[in-house]
């Protein structure tokens, strides 16, 4: 099976696998944590998804239930007062905030993204106040000032009463990067966000906008560590299905998992034991799970057909990693939580001779 995938690319299996070792290939991809969630859709592109519904009931408290309608009302009041104002960027951010929060069923709310938009609103307000002092923008009218102060006052306790909000707050309190390091991370995150936006063959518009919003949050506001934590959490989560898509049909990955040693299956196409071995491999199944829930059944039904089709449809993900290797390595070198990405980048890079 591995040999067939390699031959489709016109490659040499032995040459690809000769230097591979278990520590490079065989490690489960981590699960997505706090922050926006993503998966590969049935169209083989990354899409934004809501957090698992089954977990959402534990993501907020009774305090959240009481404050959420008050915060929505406050945000809508602010939005109305900003219409026709020169603070267009602030109005757009508040509108996105309302879209995320204004839901009757609180289990449908992506609380991590509400946190992120709250950070963005604060950053825009801080920047606007600097422009007002420099006479680049007019003063906010008193009703608008009162409305935004009310929104931010209510937003704090509401978001901290959620599981995701508290976790992001805890991470922010431990974040220890200085201004220079934050600038490097922000630049690299913006480069990744721009690359995702350009590659319509690997990501939907919704996913690209979510990553771009995370990059926007990494601004120098009154609490820069909050935006940095949210931005990095978002990058980490989107990289999980991206990596899975790039390596799940990688000749190196398949070769190692089906053969154990280089060259052992070249003369034995599609042994049934190899197919069953992949099904029982926790490493391989972690790649399938990281793609998203839509792929488990398809692989179980016809593994060989799935691999052939996926090898073709997921090829753009490998080129994405090669094109953006430098930006990704900038992030991994300064973020221990993302260090696991490095070995996958090397693995994908070494497989480019096959593609």
C-alpha atoms as a PDB file:
ATOM      1  CA  UNK A   1       0.000   0.000   0.000  1.00  0.00           C
ATOM      2  CA  UNK A   2       2.825   2.378   0.829  1.00  0.00           C
ATOM      3  CA  UNK A   3       4.566   1.400  -2.384  1.00  0.00           C
ATOM      4  CA  UNK A   4       1.439   2.192  -4.409  1.00  0.00           C
ATOM      5  CA  UNK A   5       1.162   5.675  -2.904  1.00  0.00           C
ATOM      6  CA  UNK A   6       4.826   6.324  -3.653  1.00  0.00           C
ATOM      7  CA  UNK A   7       4.543   5.024  -7.211  1.00  0.00           C
ATOM      8  CA  UNK A   8       1.622   7.368  -7.848  1.00  0.00           C
ATOM      9  CA  UNK A   9       4.079  10.169  -7.208  1.00  0.00           C
ATOM     10  CA  UNK A  10       6.850   8.515  -9.244  1.00  0.00           C
ATOM     11  CA  UNK A  11       9.119   8.189  -6.224  1.00  0.00           C
ATOM     12  CA  UNK A  12      11.529   5.681  -4.708  1.00  0.00           C
ATOM     13  CA  UNK A  13      10.281   4.264  -1.416  1.00  0.00           C
ATOM     14  CA  UNK A  14      13.663   3.035  -0.176  1.00  0.00           C
ATOM     15  CA  UNK A  15      15.311   6.416  -0.733  1.00  0.00           C
ATOM     16  CA  UNK A  16      12.577   8.188   1.172  1.00  0.00           C
ATOM     17  CA  UNK A  17      12.591   5.900   4.190  1.00  0.00           C
ATOM     18  CA  UNK A  18      16.280   5.172   4.631  1.00  0.00           C
ATOM     19  CA  UNK A  19      16.904   7.875   7.240  1.00  0.00           C
ATOM     20  CA  UNK A  20      13.567   7.810   9.054  1.00  0.00           C
ATOM     21  CA  UNK A  21      13.416   6.931  12.723  1.00  0.00           C
ATOM     22  CA  UNK A  22      10.570   6.400  15.139  1.00  0.00           C
ATOM     23  CA  UNK A  23      11.077   9.678  17.002  1.00  0.00           C
ATOM     24  CA  UNK A  24      10.585  11.610  13.748  1.00  0.00           C
ATOM     25  CA  UNK A  25       7.393   9.927  12.556  1.00  0.00           C
ATOM     26  CA  UNK A  26       5.591   8.059  15.289  1.00  0.00           C
ATOM     27  CA  UNK A  27       4.052  10.542  17.671  1.00  0.00           C
ATOM     28  CA  UNK A  28       0.373  11.254  18.109  1.00  0.00           C
ATOM     29  CA  UNK A  29      -0.734  14.693  16.969  1.00  0.00           C
ATOM     30  CA  UNK A  30      -2.102  16.592  19.995  1.00  0.00           C
ATOM     31  CA  UNK A  31      -5.760  17.453  20.345  1.00  0.00           C
ATOM     32  CA  UNK A  32      -6.970  21.004  19.816  1.00  0.00           C
ATOM     33  CA  UNK A  33      -7.142  23.011  22.999  1.00  0.00           C
ATOM     34  CA  UNK A  34      -8.586  26.353  24.010  1.00  0.00           C
ATOM     35  CA  UNK A  35      -9.121  28.721  21.076  1.00  0.00           C
ATOM     36  CA  UNK A  36     -11.005  28.518  17.760  1.00  0.00           C
ATOM     37  CA  UNK A  37     -11.426  24.976  16.439  1.00  0.00           C
ATOM     38  CA  UNK A  38     -10.815  23.765  12.888  1.00  0.00           C
ATOM     39  CA  UNK A  39     -11.153  20.572  10.854  1.00  0.00           C
ATOM     40  CA  UNK A  40     -10.801  19.336   7.290  1.00  0.00           C
ATOM     41  CA  UNK A  41     -14.177  19.397   5.559  1.00  0.00           C
ATOM     42  CA  UNK A  42     -15.473  16.795   3.129  1.00  0.00           C
ATOM     43  CA  UNK A  43     -14.252  19.127   0.380  1.00  0.00           C
ATOM     44  CA  UNK A  44     -10.699  18.608   1.684  1.00  0.00           C
ATOM     45  CA  UNK A  45     -10.200  22.184   2.936  1.00  0.00           C
ATOM     46  CA  UNK A  46      -9.757  23.501   6.475  1.00  0.00           C
ATOM     47  CA  UNK A  47     -12.929  24.994   7.945  1.00  0.00           C
ATOM     48  CA  UNK A  48     -13.767  26.618  11.251  1.00  0.00           C
ATOM     49  CA  UNK A  49     -16.037  24.519  13.478  1.00  0.00           C
ATOM     50  CA  UNK A  50     -17.827  25.169  16.733  1.00  0.00           C
ATOM     51  CA  UNK A  51     -16.410  23.483  19.857  1.00  0.00           C
ATOM     52  CA  UNK A  52     -17.772  19.987  20.537  1.00  0.00           C
ATOM     53  CA  UNK A  53     -21.399  20.383  21.625  1.00  0.00           C
ATOM     54  CA  UNK A  54     -21.053  17.627  24.219  1.00  0.00           C
ATOM     55  CA  UNK A  55     -18.418  19.651  26.094  1.00  0.00           C
ATOM     56  CA  UNK A  56     -20.090  23.027  25.821  1.00  0.00           C
ATOM     57  CA  UNK A  57     -22.463  22.506  28.744  1.00  0.00           C
ATOM     58  CA  UNK A  58     -19.463  22.632  31.095  1.00  0.00           C
ATOM     59  CA  UNK A  59     -17.929  25.740  29.525  1.00  0.00           C
ATOM     60  CA  UNK A  60     -19.963  28.343  31.415  1.00  0.00           C
ATOM     61  CA  UNK A  61     -21.655  28.955  34.761  1.00  0.00           C
ATOM     62  CA  UNK A  62     -24.806  30.574  36.121  1.00  0.00           C
ATOM     63  CA  UNK A  63     -22.916  33.855  36.249  1.00  0.00           C
ATOM     64  CA  UNK A  64     -22.395  33.563  32.505  1.00  0.00           C
ATOM     65  CA  UNK A  65     -26.115  32.955  31.985  1.00  0.00           C
ATOM     66  CA  UNK A  66     -26.990  36.128  33.887  1.00  0.00           C
ATOM     67  CA  UNK A  67     -24.371  38.353  32.267  1.00  0.00           C
ATOM     68  CA  UNK A  68     -24.605  37.204  28.642  1.00  0.00           C
ATOM     69  CA  UNK A  69     -27.893  39.017  27.795  1.00  0.00           C
ATOM     70  CA  UNK A  70     -26.649  42.184  29.514  1.00  0.00           C
ATOM     71  CA  UNK A  71     -23.400  42.104  27.526  1.00  0.00           C
ATOM     72  CA  UNK A  72     -25.270  41.533  24.248  1.00  0.00           C
ATOM     73  CA  UNK A  73     -27.569  44.496  25.003  1.00  0.00           C
ATOM     74  CA  UNK A  74     -24.569  46.681  25.852  1.00  0.00           C
ATOM     75  CA  UNK A  75     -22.745  45.666  22.655  1.00  0.00           C
ATOM     76  CA  UNK A  76     -25.794  46.388  20.510  1.00  0.00           C
ATOM     77  CA  UNK A  77     -26.198  49.788  22.150  1.00  0.00           C
ATOM     78  CA  UNK A  78     -22.570  50.592  21.389  1.00  0.00           C
ATOM     79  CA  UNK A  79     -22.913  49.374  17.793  1.00  0.00           C
ATOM     80  CA  UNK A  80     -25.840  51.717  17.145  1.00  0.00           C
ATOM     81  CA  UNK A  81     -23.936  54.676  18.587  1.00  0.00           C
ATOM     82  CA  UNK A  82     -20.942  53.979  16.329  1.00  0.00           C
ATOM     83  CA  UNK A  83     -22.956  53.983  13.079  1.00  0.00           C
ATOM     84  CA  UNK A  84     -21.893  56.934  10.965  1.00  0.00           C
ATOM     85  CA  UNK A  85     -18.985  57.550  13.301  1.00  0.00           C
ATOM     86  CA  UNK A  86     -15.401  57.703  12.096  1.00  0.00           C
ATOM     87  CA  UNK A  87     -14.518  54.706  14.270  1.00  0.00           C
ATOM     88  CA  UNK A  88     -15.353  52.170  11.570  1.00  0.00           C
ATOM     89  CA  UNK A  89     -12.808  49.570  12.726  1.00  0.00           C
ATOM     90  CA  UNK A  90     -14.296  49.621  16.215  1.00  0.00           C
ATOM     91  CA  UNK A  91     -17.819  49.282  14.829  1.00  0.00           C
ATOM     92  CA  UNK A  92     -16.833  46.249  12.745  1.00  0.00           C
ATOM     93  CA  UNK A  93     -15.188  44.555  15.736  1.00  0.00           C
ATOM     94  CA  UNK A  94     -18.249  45.115  17.923  1.00  0.00           C
ATOM     95  CA  UNK A  95     -20.484  43.699  15.158  1.00  0.00           C
ATOM     96  CA  UNK A  96     -18.360  40.509  15.042  1.00  0.00           C
ATOM     97  CA  UNK A  97     -18.512  40.328  18.832  1.00  0.00           C
ATOM     98  CA  UNK A  98     -22.319  40.467  18.706  1.00  0.00           C
ATOM     99  CA  UNK A  99     -22.449  37.751  16.036  1.00  0.00           C
ATOM    100  CA  UNK A 100     -20.413  35.426  18.256  1.00  0.00           C
ATOM    101  CA  UNK A 101     -22.287  36.139  21.507  1.00  0.00           C
ATOM    102  CA  UNK A 102     -25.918  36.742  20.526  1.00  0.00           C
ATOM    103  CA  UNK A 103     -27.238  33.174  20.742  1.00  0.00           C
ATOM    104  CA  UNK A 104     -30.181  31.855  22.759  1.00  0.00           C
ATOM    105  CA  UNK A 105     -28.393  28.573  23.442  1.00  0.00           C
ATOM    106  CA  UNK A 106     -25.158  29.344  25.273  1.00  0.00           C
ATOM    107  CA  UNK A 107     -23.811  25.917  24.309  1.00  0.00           C
ATOM    108  CA  UNK A 108     -23.475  27.212  20.753  1.00  0.00           C
ATOM    109  CA  UNK A 109     -21.172  30.068  21.729  1.00  0.00           C
ATOM    110  CA  UNK A 110     -17.446  29.755  20.941  1.00  0.00           C
ATOM    111  CA  UNK A 111     -16.231  31.364  24.170  1.00  0.00           C
ATOM    112  CA  UNK A 112     -12.594  31.399  23.110  1.00  0.00           C
ATOM    113  CA  UNK A 113     -13.481  33.563  20.126  1.00  0.00           C
ATOM    114  CA  UNK A 114     -15.563  35.859  22.334  1.00  0.00           C
ATOM    115  CA  UNK A 115     -12.418  36.266  24.443  1.00  0.00           C
ATOM    116  CA  UNK A 116     -10.401  37.067  21.312  1.00  0.00           C
ATOM    117  CA  UNK A 117     -12.859  39.670  20.050  1.00  0.00           C
ATOM    118  CA  UNK A 118     -12.896  41.262  23.486  1.00  0.00           C
ATOM    119  CA  UNK A 119      -9.110  41.623  23.265  1.00  0.00           C
ATOM    120  CA  UNK A 120      -9.397  43.093  19.764  1.00  0.00           C
ATOM    121  CA  UNK A 121     -12.020  45.641  20.878  1.00  0.00           C
ATOM    122  CA  UNK A 122      -9.768  46.730  23.749  1.00  0.00           C
ATOM    123  CA  UNK A 123      -6.770  47.007  21.416  1.00  0.00           C
ATOM    124  CA  UNK A 124      -8.733  49.108  18.898  1.00  0.00           C
ATOM    125  CA  UNK A 125      -9.995  51.352  21.677  1.00  0.00           C
ATOM    126  CA  UNK A 126      -6.449  51.866  23.000  1.00  0.00           C
ATOM    127  CA  UNK A 127      -5.233  52.739  19.493  1.00  0.00           C
ATOM    128  CA  UNK A 128      -8.188  55.081  18.940  1.00  0.00           C
ATOM    129  CA  UNK A 129      -7.441  56.943  22.162  1.00  0.00           C
ATOM    130  CA  UNK A 130      -3.871  57.488  21.018  1.00  0.00           C
ATOM    131  CA  UNK A 131      -5.150  58.871  17.708  1.00  0.00           C
ATOM    132  CA  UNK A 132      -7.587  61.118  19.565  1.00  0.00           C
ATOM    133  CA  UNK A 133      -4.749  62.547  21.660  1.00  0.00           C
ATOM    134  CA  UNK A 134      -2.740  63.121  18.469  1.00  0.00           C
ATOM    135  CA  UNK A 135      -5.764  64.855  16.851  1.00  0.00           C
ATOM    136  CA  UNK A 136      -5.920  62.178  14.148  1.00  0.00           C
ATOM    137  CA  UNK A 137      -9.465  61.217  15.203  1.00  0.00           C
ATOM    138  CA  UNK A 138     -12.282  63.214  16.840  1.00  0.00           C
ATOM    139  CA  UNK A 139     -13.410  62.579  20.405  1.00  0.00           C
ATOM    140  CA  UNK A 140     -15.844  59.749  20.969  1.00  0.00           C
ATOM    141  CA  UNK A 141     -19.230  61.173  21.838  1.00  0.00           C
ATOM    142  CA  UNK A 142     -20.262  60.789  25.484  1.00  0.00           C
ATOM    143  CA  UNK A 143     -22.998  58.170  24.865  1.00  0.00           C
ATOM    144  CA  UNK A 144     -20.535  56.054  22.858  1.00  0.00           C
ATOM    145  CA  UNK A 145     -17.920  56.404  25.611  1.00  0.00           C
ATOM    146  CA  UNK A 146     -20.433  55.285  28.226  1.00  0.00           C
ATOM    147  CA  UNK A 147     -21.543  52.356  26.071  1.00  0.00           C
ATOM    148  CA  UNK A 148     -18.049  51.012  25.466  1.00  0.00           C
ATOM    149  CA  UNK A 149     -17.104  51.390  29.136  1.00  0.00           C
ATOM    150  CA  UNK A 150     -20.254  49.462  30.046  1.00  0.00           C
ATOM    151  CA  UNK A 151     -19.442  46.722  27.523  1.00  0.00           C
ATOM    152  CA  UNK A 152     -15.867  46.217  28.725  1.00  0.00           C
ATOM    153  CA  UNK A 153     -16.931  46.330  32.382  1.00  0.00           C
ATOM    154  CA  UNK A 154     -19.462  43.542  31.822  1.00  0.00           C
ATOM    155  CA  UNK A 155     -17.307  41.548  29.383  1.00  0.00           C
ATOM    156  CA  UNK A 156     -14.578  40.860  31.967  1.00  0.00           C
ATOM    157  CA  UNK A 157     -16.574  38.943  34.593  1.00  0.00           C
ATOM    158  CA  UNK A 158     -18.699  37.236  31.924  1.00  0.00           C
ATOM    159  CA  UNK A 159     -15.755  35.795  30.013  1.00  0.00           C
ATOM    160  CA  UNK A 160     -13.925  34.808  33.214  1.00  0.00           C
ATOM    161  CA  UNK A 161     -17.000  32.833  34.281  1.00  0.00           C
ATOM    162  CA  UNK A 162     -16.430  30.494  31.307  1.00  0.00           C
ATOM    163  CA  UNK A 163     -13.982  27.610  31.204  1.00  0.00           C
ATOM    164  CA  UNK A 164     -12.191  28.878  28.088  1.00  0.00           C
ATOM    165  CA  UNK A 165     -12.008  32.427  29.404  1.00  0.00           C
ATOM    166  CA  UNK A 166     -10.464  31.283  32.664  1.00  0.00           C
ATOM    167  CA  UNK A 167      -7.961  29.045  30.886  1.00  0.00           C
ATOM    168  CA  UNK A 168      -6.881  31.831  28.534  1.00  0.00           C
ATOM    169  CA  UNK A 169      -6.595  34.167  31.512  1.00  0.00           C
ATOM    170  CA  UNK A 170      -4.384  31.657  33.336  1.00  0.00           C
ATOM    171  CA  UNK A 171      -2.178  31.272  30.260  1.00  0.00           C
ATOM    172  CA  UNK A 172      -1.927  35.050  29.934  1.00  0.00           C
ATOM    173  CA  UNK A 173      -0.726  35.414  33.505  1.00  0.00           C
ATOM    174  CA  UNK A 174       2.097  32.955  32.771  1.00  0.00           C
ATOM    175  CA  UNK A 175       3.080  34.469  29.408  1.00  0.00           C
ATOM    176  CA  UNK A 176       6.601  35.871  29.750  1.00  0.00           C
ATOM    177  CA  UNK A 177       7.639  37.074  26.281  1.00  0.00           C
ATOM    178  CA  UNK A 178       9.111  40.559  26.003  1.00  0.00           C
ATOM    179  CA  UNK A 179       8.117  43.145  23.437  1.00  0.00           C
ATOM    180  CA  UNK A 180      10.762  42.098  20.888  1.00  0.00           C
ATOM    181  CA  UNK A 181       9.744  38.420  21.055  1.00  0.00           C
ATOM    182  CA  UNK A 182       6.058  39.329  20.820  1.00  0.00           C
ATOM    183  CA  UNK A 183       6.821  41.376  17.704  1.00  0.00           C
ATOM    184  CA  UNK A 184       8.505  38.377  16.055  1.00  0.00           C
ATOM    185  CA  UNK A 185       5.585  36.116  16.956  1.00  0.00           C
ATOM    186  CA  UNK A 186       3.036  38.632  15.683  1.00  0.00           C
ATOM    187  CA  UNK A 187       4.878  39.065  12.384  1.00  0.00           C
ATOM    188  CA  UNK A 188       5.107  35.311  11.858  1.00  0.00           C
ATOM    189  CA  UNK A 189       1.428  34.817  12.782  1.00  0.00           C
ATOM    190  CA  UNK A 190       0.385  37.535  10.334  1.00  0.00           C
ATOM    191  CA  UNK A 191       2.443  35.826   7.621  1.00  0.00           C
ATOM    192  CA  UNK A 192       0.708  32.500   8.335  1.00  0.00           C
ATOM    193  CA  UNK A 193      -2.714  34.188   8.356  1.00  0.00           C
ATOM    194  CA  UNK A 194      -1.993  35.867   5.006  1.00  0.00           C
ATOM    195  CA  UNK A 195      -0.781  32.556   3.539  1.00  0.00           C
ATOM    196  CA  UNK A 196      -3.943  30.750   4.682  1.00  0.00           C
ATOM    197  CA  UNK A 197      -6.072  33.527   3.136  1.00  0.00           C
ATOM    198  CA  UNK A 198      -4.263  33.180  -0.204  1.00  0.00           C
ATOM    199  CA  UNK A 199      -4.587  29.411  -0.353  1.00  0.00           C
ATOM    200  CA  UNK A 200      -8.244  28.855  -1.161  1.00  0.00           C
ATOM    201  CA  UNK A 201      -7.305  25.264  -2.014  1.00  0.00           C
ATOM    202  CA  UNK A 202      -6.619  24.493   1.652  1.00  0.00           C
ATOM    203  CA  UNK A 203      -8.912  26.763   3.706  1.00  0.00           C
ATOM    204  CA  UNK A 204     -12.382  28.275   3.594  1.00  0.00           C
ATOM    205  CA  UNK A 205     -12.959  32.015   3.908  1.00  0.00           C
ATOM    206  CA  UNK A 206     -14.366  31.477   7.404  1.00  0.00           C
ATOM    207  CA  UNK A 207     -11.229  29.651   8.577  1.00  0.00           C
ATOM    208  CA  UNK A 208      -8.942  32.259   7.009  1.00  0.00           C
ATOM    209  CA  UNK A 209     -10.848  35.119   8.674  1.00  0.00           C
ATOM    210  CA  UNK A 210     -10.663  33.383  12.054  1.00  0.00           C
ATOM    211  CA  UNK A 211      -6.875  33.006  11.794  1.00  0.00           C
ATOM    212  CA  UNK A 212      -6.586  36.631  10.619  1.00  0.00           C
ATOM    213  CA  UNK A 213      -8.606  37.810  13.638  1.00  0.00           C
ATOM    214  CA  UNK A 214      -6.248  35.896  15.918  1.00  0.00           C
ATOM    215  CA  UNK A 215      -3.288  37.676  14.319  1.00  0.00           C
ATOM    216  CA  UNK A 216      -5.066  41.032  14.778  1.00  0.00           C
ATOM    217  CA  UNK A 217      -5.457  40.291  18.489  1.00  0.00           C
ATOM    218  CA  UNK A 218      -1.665  40.197  18.879  1.00  0.00           C
ATOM    219  CA  UNK A 219      -1.409  43.983  19.065  1.00  0.00           C
ATOM    220  CA  UNK A 220       0.364  46.218  21.576  1.00  0.00           C
ATOM    221  CA  UNK A 221      -2.609  47.167  23.714  1.00  0.00           C
ATOM    222  CA  UNK A 222      -2.953  47.587  27.462  1.00  0.00           C
ATOM    223  CA  UNK A 223      -2.657  43.784  27.900  1.00  0.00           C
ATOM    224  CA  UNK A 224      -0.480  42.496  25.023  1.00  0.00           C
ATOM    225  CA  UNK A 225      -0.007  39.111  26.677  1.00  0.00           C
ATOM    226  CA  UNK A 226      -3.733  38.363  26.217  1.00  0.00           C
ATOM    227  CA  UNK A 227      -3.629  38.884  22.479  1.00  0.00           C
ATOM    228  CA  UNK A 228      -0.404  36.892  22.185  1.00  0.00           C
ATOM    229  CA  UNK A 229      -1.871  33.914  24.028  1.00  0.00           C
ATOM    230  CA  UNK A 230      -5.040  33.963  21.923  1.00  0.00           C
ATOM    231  CA  UNK A 231      -3.120  34.284  18.662  1.00  0.00           C
ATOM    232  CA  UNK A 232      -0.776  31.412  19.462  1.00  0.00           C
ATOM    233  CA  UNK A 233      -3.642  29.196  20.644  1.00  0.00           C
ATOM    234  CA  UNK A 234      -5.409  29.809  17.335  1.00  0.00           C
ATOM    235  CA  UNK A 235      -2.266  29.018  15.314  1.00  0.00           C
ATOM    236  CA  UNK A 236      -1.751  25.832  17.300  1.00  0.00           C
ATOM    237  CA  UNK A 237      -5.311  24.651  16.683  1.00  0.00           C
ATOM    238  CA  UNK A 238      -5.323  25.333  12.945  1.00  0.00           C
ATOM    239  CA  UNK A 239      -1.940  23.641  12.557  1.00  0.00           C
ATOM    240  CA  UNK A 240      -3.264  20.354  13.978  1.00  0.00           C
ATOM    241  CA  UNK A 241      -5.586  19.482  11.052  1.00  0.00           C
ATOM    242  CA  UNK A 242      -3.134  21.104   8.614  1.00  0.00           C
ATOM    243  CA  UNK A 243      -0.324  18.816   9.787  1.00  0.00           C
ATOM    244  CA  UNK A 244      -2.604  15.784   9.830  1.00  0.00           C
ATOM    245  CA  UNK A 245      -3.670  16.495   6.253  1.00  0.00           C
ATOM    246  CA  UNK A 246      -0.054  16.839   5.145  1.00  0.00           C
ATOM    247  CA  UNK A 247       1.281  13.664   6.758  1.00  0.00           C
ATOM    248  CA  UNK A 248      -1.637  11.202   6.855  1.00  0.00           C
ATOM    249  CA  UNK A 249      -0.845  10.027   3.300  1.00  0.00           C
ATOM    250  CA  UNK A 250       2.840  10.910   3.391  1.00  0.00           C
ATOM    251  CA  UNK A 251       4.862   8.092   1.789  1.00  0.00           C
ATOM    252  CA  UNK A 252       7.272   8.201   4.722  1.00  0.00           C
ATOM    253  CA  UNK A 253       4.464   7.825   7.256  1.00  0.00           C
ATOM    254  CA  UNK A 254       2.710   5.036   5.368  1.00  0.00           C
ATOM    255  CA  UNK A 255       5.952   3.254   4.618  1.00  0.00           C
ATOM    256  CA  UNK A 256       7.068   3.195   8.218  1.00  0.00           C
ATOM    257  CA  UNK A 257       3.709   2.151   9.601  1.00  0.00           C
ATOM    258  CA  UNK A 258       3.086  -0.610   7.049  1.00  0.00           C
ATOM    259  CA  UNK A 259       6.643  -1.964   6.791  1.00  0.00           C
ATOM    260  CA  UNK A 260       8.536  -1.184   9.935  1.00  0.00           C
ATOM    261  CA  UNK A 261      11.792  -1.317   7.935  1.00  0.00           C
ATOM    262  CA  UNK A 262      12.717   0.363   4.617  1.00  0.00           C
ATOM    263  CA  UNK A 263      11.922  -1.544   1.444  1.00  0.00           C
ATOM    264  CA  UNK A 264      10.083  -4.486   3.026  1.00  0.00           C
ATOM    265  CA  UNK A 265       6.833  -4.096   1.084  1.00  0.00           C
ATOM    266  CA  UNK A 266       8.040  -2.930  -2.344  1.00  0.00           C
ATOM    267  CA  UNK A 267       7.454  -6.340  -3.922  1.00  0.00           C
ATOM    268  CA  UNK A 268       4.220  -7.057  -2.012  1.00  0.00           C
ATOM    269  CA  UNK A 269       1.476  -4.627  -3.073  1.00  0.00           C
ATOM    270  CA  UNK A 270      -1.550  -4.120  -0.785  1.00  0.00           C
ATOM    271  CA  UNK A 271      -1.178  -6.915   1.761  1.00  0.00           C
ATOM    272  CA  UNK A 272      -4.309  -7.212   3.893  1.00  0.00           C
ATOM    273  CA  UNK A 273      -2.179  -7.204   7.008  1.00  0.00           C
ATOM    274  CA  UNK A 274      -0.898  -3.736   6.107  1.00  0.00           C
ATOM    275  CA  UNK A 275      -4.433  -2.363   5.859  1.00  0.00           C
ATOM    276  CA  UNK A 276      -5.403  -3.903   9.170  1.00  0.00           C
ATOM    277  CA  UNK A 277      -2.147  -2.665  10.680  1.00  0.00           C
ATOM    278  CA  UNK A 278      -3.024   0.929   9.854  1.00  0.00           C
ATOM    279  CA  UNK A 279      -6.451   0.506  11.415  1.00  0.00           C
ATOM    280  CA  UNK A 280      -4.820  -0.691  14.635  1.00  0.00           C
ATOM    281  CA  UNK A 281      -2.071   1.922  14.664  1.00  0.00           C
ATOM    282  CA  UNK A 282      -2.763   4.597  17.317  1.00  0.00           C
ATOM    283  CA  UNK A 283      -0.340   6.916  15.531  1.00  0.00           C
ATOM    284  CA  UNK A 284      -2.087   6.624  12.180  1.00  0.00           C
ATOM    285  CA  UNK A 285      -5.563   6.874  13.699  1.00  0.00           C
ATOM    286  CA  UNK A 286      -4.490  10.026  15.545  1.00  0.00           C
ATOM    287  CA  UNK A 287      -3.852  11.574  12.118  1.00  0.00           C
ATOM    288  CA  UNK A 288      -7.337  10.518  10.957  1.00  0.00           C
ATOM    289  CA  UNK A 289      -8.947  11.919  14.117  1.00  0.00           C
ATOM    290  CA  UNK A 290      -7.039  15.199  13.792  1.00  0.00           C
ATOM    291  CA  UNK A 291      -8.489  15.699  10.302  1.00  0.00           C
ATOM    292  CA  UNK A 292     -12.014  15.798  11.739  1.00  0.00           C
ATOM    293  CA  UNK A 293     -14.967  13.577  12.521  1.00  0.00           C
ATOM    294  CA  UNK A 294     -16.037  13.175   8.877  1.00  0.00           C
ATOM    295  CA  UNK A 295     -13.209  10.831   7.888  1.00  0.00           C
ATOM    296  CA  UNK A 296     -13.384   7.923  10.336  1.00  0.00           C
ATOM    297  CA  UNK A 297     -16.181   6.032   8.576  1.00  0.00           C
ATOM    298  CA  UNK A 298     -14.787   6.561   5.077  1.00  0.00           C
ATOM    299  CA  UNK A 299     -11.420   5.116   6.065  1.00  0.00           C
ATOM    300  CA  UNK A 300     -13.004   2.142   7.840  1.00  0.00           C
ATOM    301  CA  UNK A 301     -15.219   1.362   4.836  1.00  0.00           C
ATOM    302  CA  UNK A 302     -12.505   1.230   2.170  1.00  0.00           C
ATOM    303  CA  UNK A 303      -9.018   2.127   3.463  1.00  0.00           C
ATOM    304  CA  UNK A 304      -7.227   1.659   0.150  1.00  0.00           C
ATOM    305  CA  UNK A 305      -9.670   3.797  -1.835  1.00  0.00           C
ATOM    306  CA  UNK A 306      -9.547   6.421   0.921  1.00  0.00           C
ATOM    307  CA  UNK A 307      -5.745   6.551   0.814  1.00  0.00           C
ATOM    308  CA  UNK A 308      -5.604   6.827  -2.958  1.00  0.00           C
ATOM    309  CA  UNK A 309      -8.172   9.632  -3.064  1.00  0.00           C
ATOM    310  CA  UNK A 310      -6.766  11.450  -0.040  1.00  0.00           C
ATOM    311  CA  UNK A 311      -3.187  11.290  -1.314  1.00  0.00           C
ATOM    312  CA  UNK A 312      -4.315  13.315  -4.310  1.00  0.00           C
ATOM    313  CA  UNK A 313      -6.722  15.688  -2.581  1.00  0.00           C
ATOM    314  CA  UNK A 314      -4.415  16.493   0.367  1.00  0.00           C
ATOM    315  CA  UNK A 315      -1.293  17.207  -1.699  1.00  0.00           C
ATOM    316  CA  UNK A 316      -1.776  21.039  -1.438  1.00  0.00           C
ATOM    317  CA  UNK A 317      -1.281  20.850   2.322  1.00  0.00           C
ATOM    318  CA  UNK A 318       2.268  19.576   1.895  1.00  0.00           C
ATOM    319  CA  UNK A 319       3.132  22.462  -0.421  1.00  0.00           C
ATOM    320  CA  UNK A 320       1.676  24.916   2.121  1.00  0.00           C
ATOM    321  CA  UNK A 321       4.142  23.762   4.765  1.00  0.00           C
ATOM    322  CA  UNK A 322       7.103  24.056   2.420  1.00  0.00           C
ATOM    323  CA  UNK A 323       6.097  27.550   1.285  1.00  0.00           C
ATOM    324  CA  UNK A 324       5.638  28.785   4.867  1.00  0.00           C
ATOM    325  CA  UNK A 325       8.373  26.817   6.618  1.00  0.00           C
ATOM    326  CA  UNK A 326      10.343  29.885   7.745  1.00  0.00           C
ATOM    327  CA  UNK A 327       7.342  31.618   9.340  1.00  0.00           C
ATOM    328  CA  UNK A 328       6.318  28.419  11.109  1.00  0.00           C
ATOM    329  CA  UNK A 329       9.816  27.818  12.451  1.00  0.00           C
ATOM    330  CA  UNK A 330       9.907  31.366  13.824  1.00  0.00           C
ATOM    331  CA  UNK A 331       6.867  30.507  15.920  1.00  0.00           C
ATOM    332  CA  UNK A 332       8.029  27.053  17.028  1.00  0.00           C
ATOM    333  CA  UNK A 333      11.469  28.329  18.054  1.00  0.00           C
ATOM    334  CA  UNK A 334       9.904  30.747  20.561  1.00  0.00           C
ATOM    335  CA  UNK A 335       6.893  28.717  21.669  1.00  0.00           C
ATOM    336  CA  UNK A 336       7.534  25.413  23.501  1.00  0.00           C
ATOM    337  CA  UNK A 337       3.853  24.443  23.120  1.00  0.00           C
ATOM    338  CA  UNK A 338       4.322  24.393  19.340  1.00  0.00           C
ATOM    339  CA  UNK A 339       7.758  22.739  19.240  1.00  0.00           C
ATOM    340  CA  UNK A 340       6.172  19.450  18.134  1.00  0.00           C
ATOM    341  CA  UNK A 341       5.553  21.050  14.725  1.00  0.00           C
ATOM    342  CA  UNK A 342       9.249  21.074  13.846  1.00  0.00           C
ATOM    343  CA  UNK A 343       9.615  17.348  13.192  1.00  0.00           C
ATOM    344  CA  UNK A 344       6.540  17.337  10.972  1.00  0.00           C
ATOM    345  CA  UNK A 345       7.871  20.263   8.966  1.00  0.00           C
ATOM    346  CA  UNK A 346      11.122  18.318   8.440  1.00  0.00           C
ATOM    347  CA  UNK A 347       9.201  15.190   7.513  1.00  0.00           C
ATOM    348  CA  UNK A 348       7.083  17.013   4.926  1.00  0.00           C
ATOM    349  CA  UNK A 349      10.122  18.809   3.547  1.00  0.00           C
ATOM    350  CA  UNK A 350      11.958  15.527   3.024  1.00  0.00           C
ATOM    351  CA  UNK A 351       8.980  14.083   1.168  1.00  0.00           C
ATOM    352  CA  UNK A 352       8.879  16.876  -1.423  1.00  0.00           C
ATOM    353  CA  UNK A 353      11.139  14.876  -3.728  1.00  0.00           C
ATOM    354  CA  UNK A 354       8.247  12.446  -4.147  1.00  0.00           C
ATOM    355  CA  UNK A 355       5.630  15.084  -4.896  1.00  0.00           C
END
